[in-house]
Amino acid sequence: MSAVVDDIEKIEKKVLARTVGGLRATRRWFRDFRRSRPFWGALWLGLGGAAVIHFSRSPLTMVIGGGWNSSAGYILGGAMVMFASVALFAPLYRGLCGLVGVLLGLAAFIAANLGGFLIGTLFAIIGGSMIWGWGEKRPRRSRRRRAAVRGARKRPSEEVLADDDATPGQAI
C-alpha cells in the first residue's frame, strides 16, 4: 500500500512542477510581450472606447434610424478599441494609432455624451498619448545573464601611480 502512496506522491510532485514551470513560462512570455508593445497605452485607449460605448447605449432601432447622433458613440468607441488593438498587435503603427486615438477621444467628447461622461475621453487621451510616446524595450535578460554581462564589463582597478611614474601635468 505504501508503494501506491509513494507513486501517487511522485506523480503529484511532477504535475505540480509542470504547472509551476508552465506558469513561470507564461508569466515570462507575457512580460516580454508587454515590454515589446505599447501595452498600457493600448489598455487605457481600449478602456476609453469601452466607456464611450457603454455610456452611449441606445436601442438598435434608434441607432439604425437615428443617424449620426445616436450612432456616434458606437462608431467612435469602436474605433478607439480597434486602434488600441492595432497598437497592441502591430506596434509599427503606434504613432498613427496614438494620434488617432487622441483625436477620437476628443471627437467623442463632442459627439457621444461628453465622451462617456468625460471618462472615455480622459482614458482615450491618456492612452493615445502613452501609445504615441512609447519606445520599444528589449525583452529582459535572465538574472544570470545580466550578472555575467555586468561581470565582464568591470574594469580592473586602476593602479596608483608612484612618484617616478608621474608625467608632467599629472597630479600626484
C-alpha atoms as a PDB file:
ATOM      1  CA  MET A   1       0.000   0.000   0.000  1.00  0.00           C
ATOM      2  CA  SER A   2       2.847   2.411   0.758  1.00  0.00           C
ATOM      3  CA  ALA A   3       4.269   1.828  -2.733  1.00  0.00           C
ATOM      4  CA  VAL A   4       0.997   3.095  -4.230  1.00  0.00           C
ATOM      5  CA  VAL A   5       1.058   6.151  -1.971  1.00  0.00           C
ATOM      6  CA  ASP A   6       4.695   6.840  -2.940  1.00  0.00           C
ATOM      7  CA  ASP A   7       3.789   6.586  -6.639  1.00  0.00           C
ATOM      8  CA  ILE A   8       0.885   8.975  -6.163  1.00  0.00           C
ATOM      9  CA  GLU A   9       3.131  11.447  -4.326  1.00  0.00           C
ATOM     10  CA  LYS A  10       5.715  11.268  -7.140  1.00  0.00           C
ATOM     11  CA  ILE A  11       3.014  11.907  -9.738  1.00  0.00           C
ATOM     12  CA  GLU A  12       1.657  14.838  -7.723  1.00  0.00           C
ATOM     13  CA  LYS A  13       5.150  16.354  -7.472  1.00  0.00           C
ATOM     14  CA  LYS A  14       5.676  16.009 -11.239  1.00  0.00           C
ATOM     15  CA  VAL A  15       2.301  17.585 -12.006  1.00  0.00           C
ATOM     16  CA  LEU A  16       2.991  20.432  -9.575  1.00  0.00           C
ATOM     17  CA  ALA A  17       6.449  21.019 -11.074  1.00  0.00           C
ATOM     18  CA  ARG A  18       4.990  21.122 -14.595  1.00  0.00           C
ATOM     19  CA  THR A  19       2.249  23.519 -13.513  1.00  0.00           C
ATOM     20  CA  VAL A  20       4.655  25.879 -11.746  1.00  0.00           C
ATOM     21  CA  GLY A  21       7.067  25.712 -14.676  1.00  0.00           C
ATOM     22  CA  GLY A  22       4.234  26.407 -17.103  1.00  0.00           C
ATOM     23  CA  LEU A  23       3.059  29.375 -15.051  1.00  0.00           C
ATOM     24  CA  ARG A  24       6.580  30.781 -14.953  1.00  0.00           C
ATOM     25  CA  ALA A  25       6.950  30.383 -18.713  1.00  0.00           C
ATOM     26  CA  THR A  26       3.576  32.037 -19.292  1.00  0.00           C
ATOM     27  CA  ARG A  27       4.455  34.917 -16.986  1.00  0.00           C
ATOM     28  CA  ARG A  28       7.825  35.364 -18.700  1.00  0.00           C
ATOM     29  CA  TRP A  29       6.159  35.339 -22.138  1.00  0.00           C
ATOM     30  CA  PHE A  30       3.583  37.928 -21.029  1.00  0.00           C
ATOM     31  CA  ARG A  31       6.281  40.151 -19.511  1.00  0.00           C
ATOM     32  CA  ASP A  32       8.278  40.044 -22.749  1.00  0.00           C
ATOM     33  CA  PHE A  33       5.104  40.719 -24.760  1.00  0.00           C
ATOM     34  CA  ARG A  34       4.220  43.672 -22.530  1.00  0.00           C
ATOM     35  CA  ARG A  35       7.723  45.166 -22.784  1.00  0.00           C
ATOM     36  CA  SER A  36       7.823  44.943 -26.584  1.00  0.00           C
ATOM     37  CA  ARG A  37       4.474  46.673 -27.218  1.00  0.00           C
ATOM     38  CA  PRO A  38       2.650  49.803 -26.004  1.00  0.00           C
ATOM     39  CA  PHE A  39       0.621  47.635 -23.631  1.00  0.00           C
ATOM     40  CA  TRP A  40      -0.521  50.155 -21.023  1.00  0.00           C
ATOM     41  CA  GLY A  41      -1.418  52.819 -23.563  1.00  0.00           C
ATOM     42  CA  ALA A  42      -3.452  50.324 -25.580  1.00  0.00           C
ATOM     43  CA  LEU A  43      -5.202  49.198 -22.400  1.00  0.00           C
ATOM     44  CA  TRP A  44      -6.184  52.774 -21.472  1.00  0.00           C
ATOM     45  CA  LEU A  45      -7.322  53.571 -25.017  1.00  0.00           C
ATOM     46  CA  GLY A  46      -9.388  50.375 -25.184  1.00  0.00           C
ATOM     47  CA  LEU A  47     -10.981  51.127 -21.814  1.00  0.00           C
ATOM     48  CA  GLY A  48     -11.802  54.633 -23.046  1.00  0.00           C
ATOM     49  CA  GLY A  49     -13.513  53.192 -26.118  1.00  0.00           C
ATOM     50  CA  ALA A  50     -15.437  50.710 -23.973  1.00  0.00           C
ATOM     51  CA  ALA A  51     -16.584  53.544 -21.687  1.00  0.00           C
ATOM     52  CA  VAL A  52     -17.814  55.607 -24.648  1.00  0.00           C
ATOM     53  CA  ILE A  53     -19.723  52.592 -25.993  1.00  0.00           C
ATOM     54  CA  HIS A  54     -21.153  51.773 -22.571  1.00  0.00           C
ATOM     55  CA  PHE A  55     -22.443  55.267 -21.831  1.00  0.00           C
ATOM     56  CA  SER A  56     -23.972  55.762 -25.269  1.00  0.00           C
ATOM     57  CA  ARG A  57     -26.115  52.631 -25.291  1.00  0.00           C
ATOM     58  CA  SER A  58     -29.302  53.051 -27.263  1.00  0.00           C
ATOM     59  CA  PRO A  59     -31.845  50.638 -28.677  1.00  0.00           C
ATOM     60  CA  LEU A  60     -30.741  49.176 -32.020  1.00  0.00           C
ATOM     61  CA  THR A  61     -33.701  50.631 -33.926  1.00  0.00           C
ATOM     62  CA  MET A  62     -32.784  54.091 -32.706  1.00  0.00           C
ATOM     63  CA  VAL A  63     -29.122  53.625 -33.674  1.00  0.00           C
ATOM     64  CA  ILE A  64     -30.003  52.470 -37.196  1.00  0.00           C
ATOM     65  CA  GLY A  65     -32.667  55.066 -37.870  1.00  0.00           C
ATOM     66  CA  GLY A  66     -31.403  57.916 -35.736  1.00  0.00           C
ATOM     67  CA  GLY A  67     -28.443  58.989 -37.818  1.00  0.00           C
ATOM     68  CA  TRP A  68     -25.087  60.228 -36.568  1.00  0.00           C
ATOM     69  CA  ASN A  69     -26.273  61.477 -33.181  1.00  0.00           C
ATOM     70  CA  SER A  70     -27.414  58.095 -31.959  1.00  0.00           C
ATOM     71  CA  SER A  71     -24.639  56.012 -33.544  1.00  0.00           C
ATOM     72  CA  ALA A  72     -21.647  58.273 -32.798  1.00  0.00           C
ATOM     73  CA  GLY A  73     -20.829  56.539 -29.521  1.00  0.00           C
ATOM     74  CA  TYR A  74     -20.693  53.128 -31.167  1.00  0.00           C
ATOM     75  CA  ILE A  75     -18.629  54.350 -34.110  1.00  0.00           C
ATOM     76  CA  LEU A  76     -16.133  56.410 -32.108  1.00  0.00           C
ATOM     77  CA  GLY A  77     -15.856  53.937 -29.227  1.00  0.00           C
ATOM     78  CA  GLY A  78     -15.438  51.019 -31.613  1.00  0.00           C
ATOM     79  CA  ALA A  79     -12.745  52.909 -33.499  1.00  0.00           C
ATOM     80  CA  MET A  80     -10.894  53.552 -30.210  1.00  0.00           C
ATOM     81  CA  VAL A  81     -10.993  49.851 -29.347  1.00  0.00           C
ATOM     82  CA  MET A  82      -9.845  48.987 -32.873  1.00  0.00           C
ATOM     83  CA  PHE A  83      -6.876  51.381 -32.762  1.00  0.00           C
ATOM     84  CA  ALA A  84      -5.929  50.079 -29.316  1.00  0.00           C
ATOM     85  CA  SER A  85      -5.853  46.551 -30.755  1.00  0.00           C
ATOM     86  CA  VAL A  86      -3.793  47.664 -33.747  1.00  0.00           C
ATOM     87  CA  ALA A  87      -1.273  49.398 -31.479  1.00  0.00           C
ATOM     88  CA  LEU A  88      -1.030  46.294 -29.314  1.00  0.00           C
ATOM     89  CA  PHE A  89      -0.590  43.739 -32.076  1.00  0.00           C
ATOM     90  CA  ALA A  90       1.200  45.870 -34.712  1.00  0.00           C
ATOM     91  CA  PRO A  91       3.419  48.292 -32.766  1.00  0.00           C
ATOM     92  CA  LEU A  92       4.918  49.597 -36.003  1.00  0.00           C
ATOM     93  CA  TYR A  93       1.811  51.785 -36.383  1.00  0.00           C
ATOM     94  CA  ARG A  94       1.946  53.186 -32.850  1.00  0.00           C
ATOM     95  CA  GLY A  95       2.357  56.802 -33.971  1.00  0.00           C
ATOM     96  CA  LEU A  96      -0.754  56.737 -36.115  1.00  0.00           C
ATOM     97  CA  CYS A  97      -2.768  54.808 -33.528  1.00  0.00           C
ATOM     98  CA  GLY A  98      -1.791  57.161 -30.704  1.00  0.00           C
ATOM     99  CA  LEU A  99      -2.607  60.292 -32.656  1.00  0.00           C
ATOM    100  CA  VAL A 100      -5.918  58.976 -33.990  1.00  0.00           C
ATOM    101  CA  GLY A 101      -6.809  57.648 -30.519  1.00  0.00           C
ATOM    102  CA  VAL A 102      -6.433  61.114 -29.008  1.00  0.00           C
ATOM    103  CA  LEU A 103      -8.436  62.682 -31.838  1.00  0.00           C
ATOM    104  CA  LEU A 104     -11.201  60.083 -31.461  1.00  0.00           C
ATOM    105  CA  GLY A 105     -11.335  60.781 -27.728  1.00  0.00           C
ATOM    106  CA  LEU A 106     -11.730  64.500 -28.390  1.00  0.00           C
ATOM    107  CA  ALA A 107     -14.397  63.812 -31.035  1.00  0.00           C
ATOM    108  CA  ALA A 108     -16.255  61.562 -28.606  1.00  0.00           C
ATOM    109  CA  PHE A 109     -16.360  64.419 -26.107  1.00  0.00           C
ATOM    110  CA  ILE A 110     -18.348  66.452 -28.621  1.00  0.00           C
ATOM    111  CA  ALA A 111     -20.435  63.728 -30.265  1.00  0.00           C
ATOM    112  CA  ALA A 112     -21.086  60.994 -27.700  1.00  0.00           C
ATOM    113  CA  ASN A 113     -22.464  62.085 -24.321  1.00  0.00           C
ATOM    114  CA  LEU A 114     -19.413  64.135 -23.376  1.00  0.00           C
ATOM    115  CA  GLY A 115     -17.173  61.218 -24.325  1.00  0.00           C
ATOM    116  CA  GLY A 116     -18.760  58.759 -21.941  1.00  0.00           C
ATOM    117  CA  PHE A 117     -19.287  61.442 -19.324  1.00  0.00           C
ATOM    118  CA  LEU A 118     -15.651  62.513 -19.645  1.00  0.00           C
ATOM    119  CA  ILE A 119     -14.332  59.109 -18.515  1.00  0.00           C
ATOM    120  CA  GLY A 120     -13.891  57.747 -22.028  1.00  0.00           C
ATOM    121  CA  THR A 121     -12.352  60.958 -23.312  1.00  0.00           C
ATOM    122  CA  LEU A 122      -9.788  61.129 -20.498  1.00  0.00           C
ATOM    123  CA  PHE A 123      -8.870  57.461 -20.878  1.00  0.00           C
ATOM    124  CA  ALA A 124      -8.503  57.916 -24.643  1.00  0.00           C
ATOM    125  CA  ILE A 125      -6.281  60.984 -24.279  1.00  0.00           C
ATOM    126  CA  ILE A 126      -4.081  59.268 -21.681  1.00  0.00           C
ATOM    127  CA  GLY A 127      -3.885  56.021 -23.659  1.00  0.00           C
ATOM    128  CA  GLY A 128      -3.274  57.685 -27.011  1.00  0.00           C
ATOM    129  CA  SER A 129      -0.517  59.817 -25.501  1.00  0.00           C
ATOM    130  CA  MET A 130       1.100  56.765 -23.944  1.00  0.00           C
ATOM    131  CA  ILE A 131       0.960  54.933 -27.274  1.00  0.00           C
ATOM    132  CA  TRP A 132       2.427  57.927 -29.106  1.00  0.00           C
ATOM    133  CA  GLY A 133       5.297  58.305 -26.635  1.00  0.00           C
ATOM    134  CA  TRP A 134       6.117  54.616 -26.301  1.00  0.00           C
ATOM    135  CA  GLY A 135       9.603  53.410 -27.167  1.00  0.00           C
ATOM    136  CA  GLU A 136      10.402  49.757 -27.669  1.00  0.00           C
ATOM    137  CA  LYS A 137      12.378  47.976 -24.992  1.00  0.00           C
ATOM    138  CA  ARG A 138      14.293  44.788 -25.419  1.00  0.00           C
ATOM    139  CA  PRO A 139      12.991  41.776 -23.510  1.00  0.00           C
ATOM    140  CA  ARG A 140      14.789  41.403 -20.204  1.00  0.00           C
ATOM    141  CA  ARG A 141      17.677  39.025 -19.845  1.00  0.00           C
ATOM    142  CA  SER A 142      17.740  36.431 -17.129  1.00  0.00           C
ATOM    143  CA  ARG A 143      19.446  37.344 -13.862  1.00  0.00           C
ATOM    144  CA  ARG A 144      22.335  35.011 -14.564  1.00  0.00           C
ATOM    145  CA  ARG A 145      22.901  36.564 -17.970  1.00  0.00           C
ATOM    146  CA  ARG A 146      22.790  40.111 -16.555  1.00  0.00           C
ATOM    147  CA  ALA A 147      25.288  39.163 -13.847  1.00  0.00           C
ATOM    148  CA  ALA A 148      27.626  37.609 -16.439  1.00  0.00           C
ATOM    149  CA  VAL A 149      27.469  40.706 -18.656  1.00  0.00           C
ATOM    150  CA  ARG A 150      27.955  43.003 -15.663  1.00  0.00           C
ATOM    151  CA  GLY A 151      30.970  40.960 -14.538  1.00  0.00           C
ATOM    152  CA  ALA A 152      32.537  41.145 -17.997  1.00  0.00           C
ATOM    153  CA  ARG A 153      32.171  44.934 -18.096  1.00  0.00           C
ATOM    154  CA  LYS A 154      34.032  45.583 -14.843  1.00  0.00           C
ATOM    155  CA  ARG A 155      37.405  47.178 -15.389  1.00  0.00           C
ATOM    156  CA  PRO A 156      40.420  46.200 -13.356  1.00  0.00           C
ATOM    157  CA  SER A 157      41.099  48.711 -10.641  1.00  0.00           C
ATOM    158  CA  GLU A 158      43.478  51.453 -11.640  1.00  0.00           C
ATOM    159  CA  GLU A 159      46.848  51.248 -10.041  1.00  0.00           C
ATOM    160  CA  VAL A 160      48.117  54.177  -8.058  1.00  0.00           C
ATOM    161  CA  LEU A 161      50.967  55.882  -9.842  1.00  0.00           C
ATOM    162  CA  ALA A 162      54.212  56.146  -7.975  1.00  0.00           C
ATOM    163  CA  ASP A 163      56.154  59.431  -7.936  1.00  0.00           C
ATOM    164  CA  ASP A 164      58.538  58.063 -10.590  1.00  0.00           C
ATOM    165  CA  ASP A 165      55.707  57.112 -12.988  1.00  0.00           C
ATOM    166  CA  ALA A 166      54.004  60.511 -12.963  1.00  0.00           C
ATOM    167  CA  THR A 167      54.122  62.508 -16.144  1.00  0.00           C
ATOM    168  CA  PRO A 168      54.313  66.316 -16.314  1.00  0.00           C
ATOM    169  CA  GLY A 169      50.913  67.898 -15.687  1.00  0.00           C
ATOM    170  CA  GLN A 170      49.568  64.844 -13.915  1.00  0.00           C
ATOM    171  CA  ALA A 171      48.573  65.120 -10.277  1.00  0.00           C
ATOM    172  CA  ILE A 172      50.433  63.005  -7.809  1.00  0.00           C
END
